[in-house]
Amino acid sequence: MKERRGRGTLRLALAFAALLAALVAVVWRQSRALEALRALDETRRQRAVAEAGRMELLARIQQLESRARVVAAARDRLGLRVPTAAEIVILPLAPPVAVAAPPLEHAPAEHAPGLLARP
C-alpha cells in the first residue's frame, strides 16, 4: 500500500511539475510577444517621424523651386531681370538636315548578291 501511495505522490509531483512548466512556457511566450509588439510600435513611431520629415522636405523643395523664389533669387544674387517683350527673340526651328549616304559598290551580276568580285 505504501508503494502505491509513493507512486501516486510521484505522479502528482510530475503532473504538478508539467503544469508549472507549461505555465512558465506560456508566460515566456507572452512576454516575447509583448516585446515584439513594443518593437513594432517603436518602428511605426519612427516611420511616422520619418514620413513627417519627408513631407516637410517636399514642402521645402516646392517652396525653393517656385517661380517667385527663383526670379527673386536671380534678381538679387545675379542681377538678372525679366526681359521685356522687345528683348525676347523666338528663333524658327531649322528643318532637319538630311545626310546623304555614300554610294554603295555593287557586285557584278554574275556573282551572288552581297559578294564582291576579286580584283
N, C-alpha and C. Protein backbone atom coordinates (compact mmCIF):
# COMPACT_ATOMS: atom_id res chain seq x y z
N MET A 1 0.80 -1.18 0.00
CA MET A 1 0.00 0.00 0.00
C MET A 1 0.87 1.27 0.00
N LYS A 2 1.95 1.22 0.77
CA LYS A 2 2.84 2.37 0.83
C LYS A 2 3.49 2.63 -0.53
N GLU A 3 3.78 1.52 -1.24
CA GLU A 3 4.41 1.66 -2.55
C GLU A 3 3.45 2.33 -3.52
N ARG A 4 2.19 1.99 -3.41
CA ARG A 4 1.18 2.63 -4.26
C ARG A 4 1.03 4.10 -3.92
N ARG A 5 1.10 4.35 -2.64
CA ARG A 5 0.98 5.74 -2.20
C ARG A 5 2.16 6.57 -2.71
N GLY A 6 3.35 5.99 -2.71
CA GLY A 6 4.54 6.67 -3.20
C GLY A 6 4.46 6.93 -4.70
N ARG A 7 3.90 5.99 -5.44
CA ARG A 7 3.72 6.17 -6.88
C ARG A 7 2.71 7.28 -7.15
N GLY A 8 1.65 7.30 -6.38
CA GLY A 8 0.64 8.34 -6.55
C GLY A 8 1.21 9.72 -6.27
N THR A 9 2.03 9.82 -5.24
CA THR A 9 2.66 11.10 -4.91
C THR A 9 3.63 11.51 -6.01
N LEU A 10 4.38 10.54 -6.53
CA LEU A 10 5.32 10.82 -7.62
C LEU A 10 4.58 11.29 -8.87
N ARG A 11 3.49 10.63 -9.19
CA ARG A 11 2.68 11.04 -10.35
C ARG A 11 2.11 12.43 -10.15
N LEU A 12 1.64 12.70 -8.97
CA LEU A 12 1.10 14.02 -8.66
C LEU A 12 2.19 15.09 -8.77
N ALA A 13 3.39 14.77 -8.28
CA ALA A 13 4.51 15.72 -8.35
C ALA A 13 4.91 15.96 -9.81
N LEU A 14 4.94 14.90 -10.61
CA LEU A 14 5.28 15.04 -12.03
C LEU A 14 4.21 15.84 -12.78
N ALA A 15 2.96 15.58 -12.47
CA ALA A 15 1.88 16.34 -13.11
C ALA A 15 1.97 17.81 -12.72
N PHE A 16 2.26 18.08 -11.45
CA PHE A 16 2.40 19.47 -10.99
C PHE A 16 3.59 20.15 -11.69
N ALA A 17 4.70 19.41 -11.82
CA ALA A 17 5.88 19.96 -12.50
C ALA A 17 5.57 20.24 -13.97
N ALA A 18 4.84 19.33 -14.61
CA ALA A 18 4.48 19.55 -16.02
C ALA A 18 3.57 20.76 -16.16
N LEU A 19 2.61 20.90 -15.25
CA LEU A 19 1.72 22.07 -15.27
C LEU A 19 2.50 23.35 -15.06
N LEU A 20 3.43 23.34 -14.11
CA LEU A 20 4.25 24.51 -13.83
C LEU A 20 5.12 24.87 -15.05
N ALA A 21 5.69 23.84 -15.70
CA ALA A 21 6.50 24.08 -16.90
C ALA A 21 5.64 24.68 -18.02
N ALA A 22 4.43 24.19 -18.19
CA ALA A 22 3.55 24.72 -19.22
C ALA A 22 3.19 26.18 -18.93
N LEU A 23 2.93 26.48 -17.67
CA LEU A 23 2.61 27.87 -17.31
C LEU A 23 3.80 28.79 -17.53
N VAL A 24 4.99 28.32 -17.20
CA VAL A 24 6.20 29.13 -17.43
C VAL A 24 6.38 29.36 -18.93
N ALA A 25 6.13 28.34 -19.74
CA ALA A 25 6.27 28.49 -21.19
C ALA A 25 5.26 29.50 -21.73
N VAL A 26 4.04 29.49 -21.21
CA VAL A 26 3.03 30.45 -21.66
C VAL A 26 3.43 31.87 -21.27
N VAL A 27 3.91 32.04 -20.06
CA VAL A 27 4.34 33.38 -19.61
C VAL A 27 5.51 33.86 -20.45
N TRP A 28 6.47 32.98 -20.73
CA TRP A 28 7.63 33.37 -21.54
C TRP A 28 7.18 33.77 -22.95
N ARG A 29 6.28 32.98 -23.54
CA ARG A 29 5.79 33.28 -24.88
C ARG A 29 5.05 34.62 -24.91
N GLN A 30 4.24 34.88 -23.91
CA GLN A 30 3.50 36.15 -23.84
C GLN A 30 4.46 37.32 -23.68
N SER A 31 5.50 37.15 -22.87
CA SER A 31 6.46 38.24 -22.69
C SER A 31 7.21 38.52 -23.98
N ARG A 32 7.54 37.47 -24.74
CA ARG A 32 8.20 37.67 -26.03
C ARG A 32 7.27 38.39 -27.01
N ALA A 33 5.99 38.05 -26.97
CA ALA A 33 5.02 38.71 -27.85
C ALA A 33 4.90 40.19 -27.49
N LEU A 34 4.90 40.50 -26.20
CA LEU A 34 4.83 41.90 -25.79
C LEU A 34 6.07 42.67 -26.21
N GLU A 35 7.23 42.04 -26.12
CA GLU A 35 8.46 42.69 -26.58
C GLU A 35 8.39 42.96 -28.09
N ALA A 36 7.88 42.00 -28.84
CA ALA A 36 7.75 42.18 -30.29
C ALA A 36 6.77 43.30 -30.61
N LEU A 37 5.69 43.40 -29.85
CA LEU A 37 4.73 44.49 -30.06
C LEU A 37 5.34 45.85 -29.74
N ARG A 38 6.14 45.89 -28.68
CA ARG A 38 6.82 47.15 -28.35
C ARG A 38 7.77 47.56 -29.47
N ALA A 39 8.52 46.60 -29.99
CA ALA A 39 9.44 46.89 -31.10
C ALA A 39 8.67 47.35 -32.33
N LEU A 40 7.54 46.72 -32.61
CA LEU A 40 6.71 47.12 -33.74
C LEU A 40 6.17 48.53 -33.56
N ASP A 41 5.71 48.85 -32.35
CA ASP A 41 5.22 50.20 -32.07
C ASP A 41 6.33 51.24 -32.25
N GLU A 42 7.53 50.91 -31.79
CA GLU A 42 8.66 51.84 -31.94
C GLU A 42 8.99 52.04 -33.41
N THR A 43 8.97 50.96 -34.18
CA THR A 43 9.24 51.07 -35.61
C THR A 43 8.18 51.92 -36.31
N ARG A 44 6.93 51.72 -35.94
CA ARG A 44 5.85 52.52 -36.53
C ARG A 44 6.00 53.99 -36.15
N ARG A 45 6.41 54.26 -34.91
CA ARG A 45 6.61 55.64 -34.48
C ARG A 45 7.75 56.28 -35.29
N GLN A 46 8.84 55.54 -35.46
CA GLN A 46 9.97 56.06 -36.23
C GLN A 46 9.57 56.30 -37.69
N ARG A 47 8.75 55.42 -38.23
CA ARG A 47 8.29 55.61 -39.60
C ARG A 47 7.43 56.86 -39.72
N ALA A 48 6.57 57.09 -38.74
CA ALA A 48 5.72 58.28 -38.77
C ALA A 48 6.57 59.55 -38.69
N VAL A 49 7.61 59.52 -37.86
CA VAL A 49 8.51 60.68 -37.75
C VAL A 49 9.24 60.90 -39.07
N ALA A 50 9.71 59.80 -39.68
CA ALA A 50 10.41 59.92 -40.96
C ALA A 50 9.48 60.42 -42.05
N GLU A 51 8.24 59.96 -42.05
CA GLU A 51 7.27 60.40 -43.05
C GLU A 51 6.96 61.89 -42.88
N ALA A 52 6.86 62.34 -41.62
CA ALA A 52 6.62 63.77 -41.38
C ALA A 52 7.81 64.60 -41.86
N GLY A 53 9.02 64.10 -41.62
CA GLY A 53 10.21 64.79 -42.11
C GLY A 53 10.25 64.84 -43.63
N ARG A 54 9.83 63.75 -44.26
CA ARG A 54 9.78 63.70 -45.72
C ARG A 54 8.80 64.74 -46.26
N MET A 55 7.64 64.83 -45.63
CA MET A 55 6.64 65.80 -46.07
C MET A 55 7.17 67.23 -45.92
N GLU A 56 7.88 67.49 -44.82
CA GLU A 56 8.47 68.83 -44.63
C GLU A 56 9.48 69.12 -45.73
N LEU A 57 10.30 68.12 -46.07
CA LEU A 57 11.30 68.31 -47.12
C LEU A 57 10.65 68.53 -48.48
N LEU A 58 9.58 67.80 -48.77
CA LEU A 58 8.88 68.01 -50.04
C LEU A 58 8.28 69.42 -50.12
N ALA A 59 7.74 69.90 -49.00
CA ALA A 59 7.20 71.26 -48.97
C ALA A 59 8.32 72.28 -49.18
N ARG A 60 9.47 72.02 -48.57
CA ARG A 60 10.62 72.93 -48.72
C ARG A 60 11.11 72.94 -50.17
N ILE A 61 11.14 71.76 -50.81
CA ILE A 61 11.56 71.68 -52.21
C ILE A 61 10.60 72.47 -53.09
N GLN A 62 9.31 72.32 -52.87
CA GLN A 62 8.33 73.07 -53.66
C GLN A 62 8.52 74.57 -53.47
N GLN A 63 8.78 74.98 -52.24
CA GLN A 63 8.97 76.41 -51.97
C GLN A 63 10.24 76.91 -52.67
N LEU A 64 11.32 76.12 -52.61
CA LEU A 64 12.57 76.55 -53.23
C LEU A 64 12.50 76.54 -54.76
N GLU A 65 11.69 75.66 -55.33
CA GLU A 65 11.58 75.59 -56.79
C GLU A 65 10.50 76.51 -57.35
N SER A 66 9.82 77.25 -56.52
CA SER A 66 8.74 78.09 -57.02
C SER A 66 9.31 79.21 -57.90
N ARG A 67 8.53 79.57 -58.89
CA ARG A 67 8.97 80.59 -59.84
C ARG A 67 9.25 81.92 -59.14
N ALA A 68 8.41 82.28 -58.19
CA ALA A 68 8.61 83.56 -57.50
C ALA A 68 9.96 83.59 -56.78
N ARG A 69 10.31 82.50 -56.13
CA ARG A 69 11.59 82.47 -55.41
C ARG A 69 12.77 82.47 -56.37
N VAL A 70 12.66 81.71 -57.46
CA VAL A 70 13.76 81.65 -58.43
C VAL A 70 13.98 83.01 -59.08
N VAL A 71 12.91 83.68 -59.45
CA VAL A 71 13.03 85.01 -60.06
C VAL A 71 13.64 86.00 -59.07
N ALA A 72 13.19 85.95 -57.83
CA ALA A 72 13.74 86.87 -56.82
C ALA A 72 15.21 86.58 -56.56
N ALA A 73 15.59 85.31 -56.48
CA ALA A 73 16.99 84.96 -56.24
C ALA A 73 17.86 85.36 -57.43
N ALA A 74 17.36 85.17 -58.65
CA ALA A 74 18.13 85.57 -59.84
C ALA A 74 18.31 87.08 -59.87
N ARG A 75 17.28 87.80 -59.47
CA ARG A 75 17.37 89.26 -59.46
C ARG A 75 18.34 89.73 -58.37
N ASP A 76 18.21 89.19 -57.16
CA ASP A 76 19.01 89.67 -56.03
C ASP A 76 20.46 89.20 -56.10
N ARG A 77 20.68 87.95 -56.40
CA ARG A 77 22.04 87.40 -56.36
C ARG A 77 22.80 87.63 -57.65
N LEU A 78 22.12 87.55 -58.79
CA LEU A 78 22.81 87.61 -60.07
C LEU A 78 22.57 88.89 -60.85
N GLY A 79 21.66 89.72 -60.36
CA GLY A 79 21.38 90.97 -61.05
C GLY A 79 20.57 90.76 -62.32
N LEU A 80 19.89 89.64 -62.46
CA LEU A 80 19.09 89.38 -63.64
C LEU A 80 17.72 90.03 -63.50
N ARG A 81 17.06 90.19 -64.65
CA ARG A 81 15.71 90.74 -64.63
C ARG A 81 14.88 90.03 -65.69
N VAL A 82 13.58 90.18 -65.60
CA VAL A 82 12.69 89.58 -66.59
C VAL A 82 12.79 90.43 -67.86
N PRO A 83 12.99 89.81 -69.04
CA PRO A 83 13.13 90.60 -70.27
C PRO A 83 11.81 91.22 -70.69
N THR A 84 11.93 92.34 -71.37
CA THR A 84 10.74 92.98 -71.92
C THR A 84 10.34 92.25 -73.20
N ALA A 85 9.17 92.56 -73.72
CA ALA A 85 8.69 91.89 -74.93
C ALA A 85 9.62 92.15 -76.12
N ALA A 86 10.21 93.33 -76.19
CA ALA A 86 11.10 93.67 -77.30
C ALA A 86 12.41 92.89 -77.23
N GLU A 87 12.78 92.44 -76.05
CA GLU A 87 14.05 91.73 -75.89
C GLU A 87 13.92 90.21 -76.15
N ILE A 88 12.72 89.74 -76.28
CA ILE A 88 12.52 88.30 -76.48
C ILE A 88 12.54 88.01 -77.98
N VAL A 89 13.40 87.10 -78.39
CA VAL A 89 13.53 86.71 -79.79
C VAL A 89 13.24 85.22 -79.86
N ILE A 90 12.29 84.85 -80.71
CA ILE A 90 11.96 83.44 -80.90
C ILE A 90 12.54 83.02 -82.23
N LEU A 91 13.45 82.08 -82.19
CA LEU A 91 14.11 81.61 -83.40
C LEU A 91 13.30 80.49 -84.03
N PRO A 92 13.23 80.49 -85.37
CA PRO A 92 12.49 79.41 -86.03
C PRO A 92 13.27 78.11 -85.90
N LEU A 93 12.54 77.03 -85.87
CA LEU A 93 13.15 75.72 -85.80
C LEU A 93 13.64 75.35 -87.20
N ALA A 94 14.92 75.11 -87.32
CA ALA A 94 15.51 74.78 -88.63
C ALA A 94 15.08 73.37 -89.01
N PRO A 95 14.77 73.17 -90.31
CA PRO A 95 14.41 71.82 -90.74
C PRO A 95 15.61 70.89 -90.56
N PRO A 96 15.36 69.63 -90.28
CA PRO A 96 16.49 68.70 -90.10
C PRO A 96 17.29 68.56 -91.38
N VAL A 97 18.58 68.50 -91.24
CA VAL A 97 19.48 68.39 -92.37
C VAL A 97 19.63 66.91 -92.70
N ALA A 98 19.33 66.57 -93.97
CA ALA A 98 19.46 65.19 -94.40
C ALA A 98 20.90 64.93 -94.79
N VAL A 99 21.44 63.86 -94.29
CA VAL A 99 22.82 63.49 -94.62
C VAL A 99 22.74 62.37 -95.66
N ALA A 100 23.37 62.62 -96.80
CA ALA A 100 23.35 61.63 -97.88
C ALA A 100 24.35 60.53 -97.57
N ALA A 101 23.94 59.30 -97.77
CA ALA A 101 24.84 58.17 -97.55
C ALA A 101 25.72 58.00 -98.78
N PRO A 102 26.97 57.60 -98.60
CA PRO A 102 27.85 57.39 -99.76
C PRO A 102 27.31 56.24 -100.60
N PRO A 103 27.52 56.30 -101.91
CA PRO A 103 27.01 55.24 -102.80
C PRO A 103 27.69 53.92 -102.47
N LEU A 104 26.92 52.84 -102.59
CA LEU A 104 27.45 51.51 -102.32
C LEU A 104 28.03 50.93 -103.60
N GLU A 105 29.06 50.14 -103.44
CA GLU A 105 29.63 49.44 -104.59
C GLU A 105 28.79 48.20 -104.82
N HIS A 106 28.37 47.99 -106.05
CA HIS A 106 27.55 46.84 -106.37
C HIS A 106 28.40 45.78 -107.04
N ALA A 107 28.08 44.55 -106.74
CA ALA A 107 28.81 43.43 -107.33
C ALA A 107 28.30 43.19 -108.74
N PRO A 108 29.14 42.68 -109.61
CA PRO A 108 28.67 42.34 -110.97
C PRO A 108 27.56 41.31 -110.89
N ALA A 109 26.75 41.23 -111.92
CA ALA A 109 25.57 40.39 -111.92
C ALA A 109 25.90 38.91 -111.84
N GLU A 110 27.12 38.50 -112.32
CA GLU A 110 27.43 37.08 -112.32
C GLU A 110 27.75 36.55 -110.92
N HIS A 111 27.97 37.40 -109.98
CA HIS A 111 28.24 36.96 -108.62
C HIS A 111 26.96 36.99 -107.82
N ALA A 112 26.97 36.26 -106.71
CA ALA A 112 25.81 36.24 -105.81
C ALA A 112 25.66 37.61 -105.16
N PRO A 113 24.44 37.99 -104.84
CA PRO A 113 24.23 39.29 -104.22
C PRO A 113 24.98 39.36 -102.89
N GLY A 114 25.59 40.48 -102.66
CA GLY A 114 26.31 40.70 -101.42
C GLY A 114 27.77 40.33 -101.49
N LEU A 115 28.21 39.72 -102.60
CA LEU A 115 29.61 39.35 -102.74
C LEU A 115 30.28 40.27 -103.74
N LEU A 116 31.50 40.63 -103.47
CA LEU A 116 32.27 41.48 -104.37
C LEU A 116 33.20 40.64 -105.22
N ALA A 117 33.43 41.10 -106.44
CA ALA A 117 34.34 40.38 -107.34
C ALA A 117 35.76 40.62 -106.90
N ARG A 118 36.61 39.62 -107.11
CA ARG A 118 38.03 39.78 -106.79
C ARG A 118 38.69 40.63 -107.85
N PRO A 119 39.61 41.44 -107.47
CA PRO A 119 40.32 42.27 -108.48
C PRO A 119 41.30 41.47 -109.27
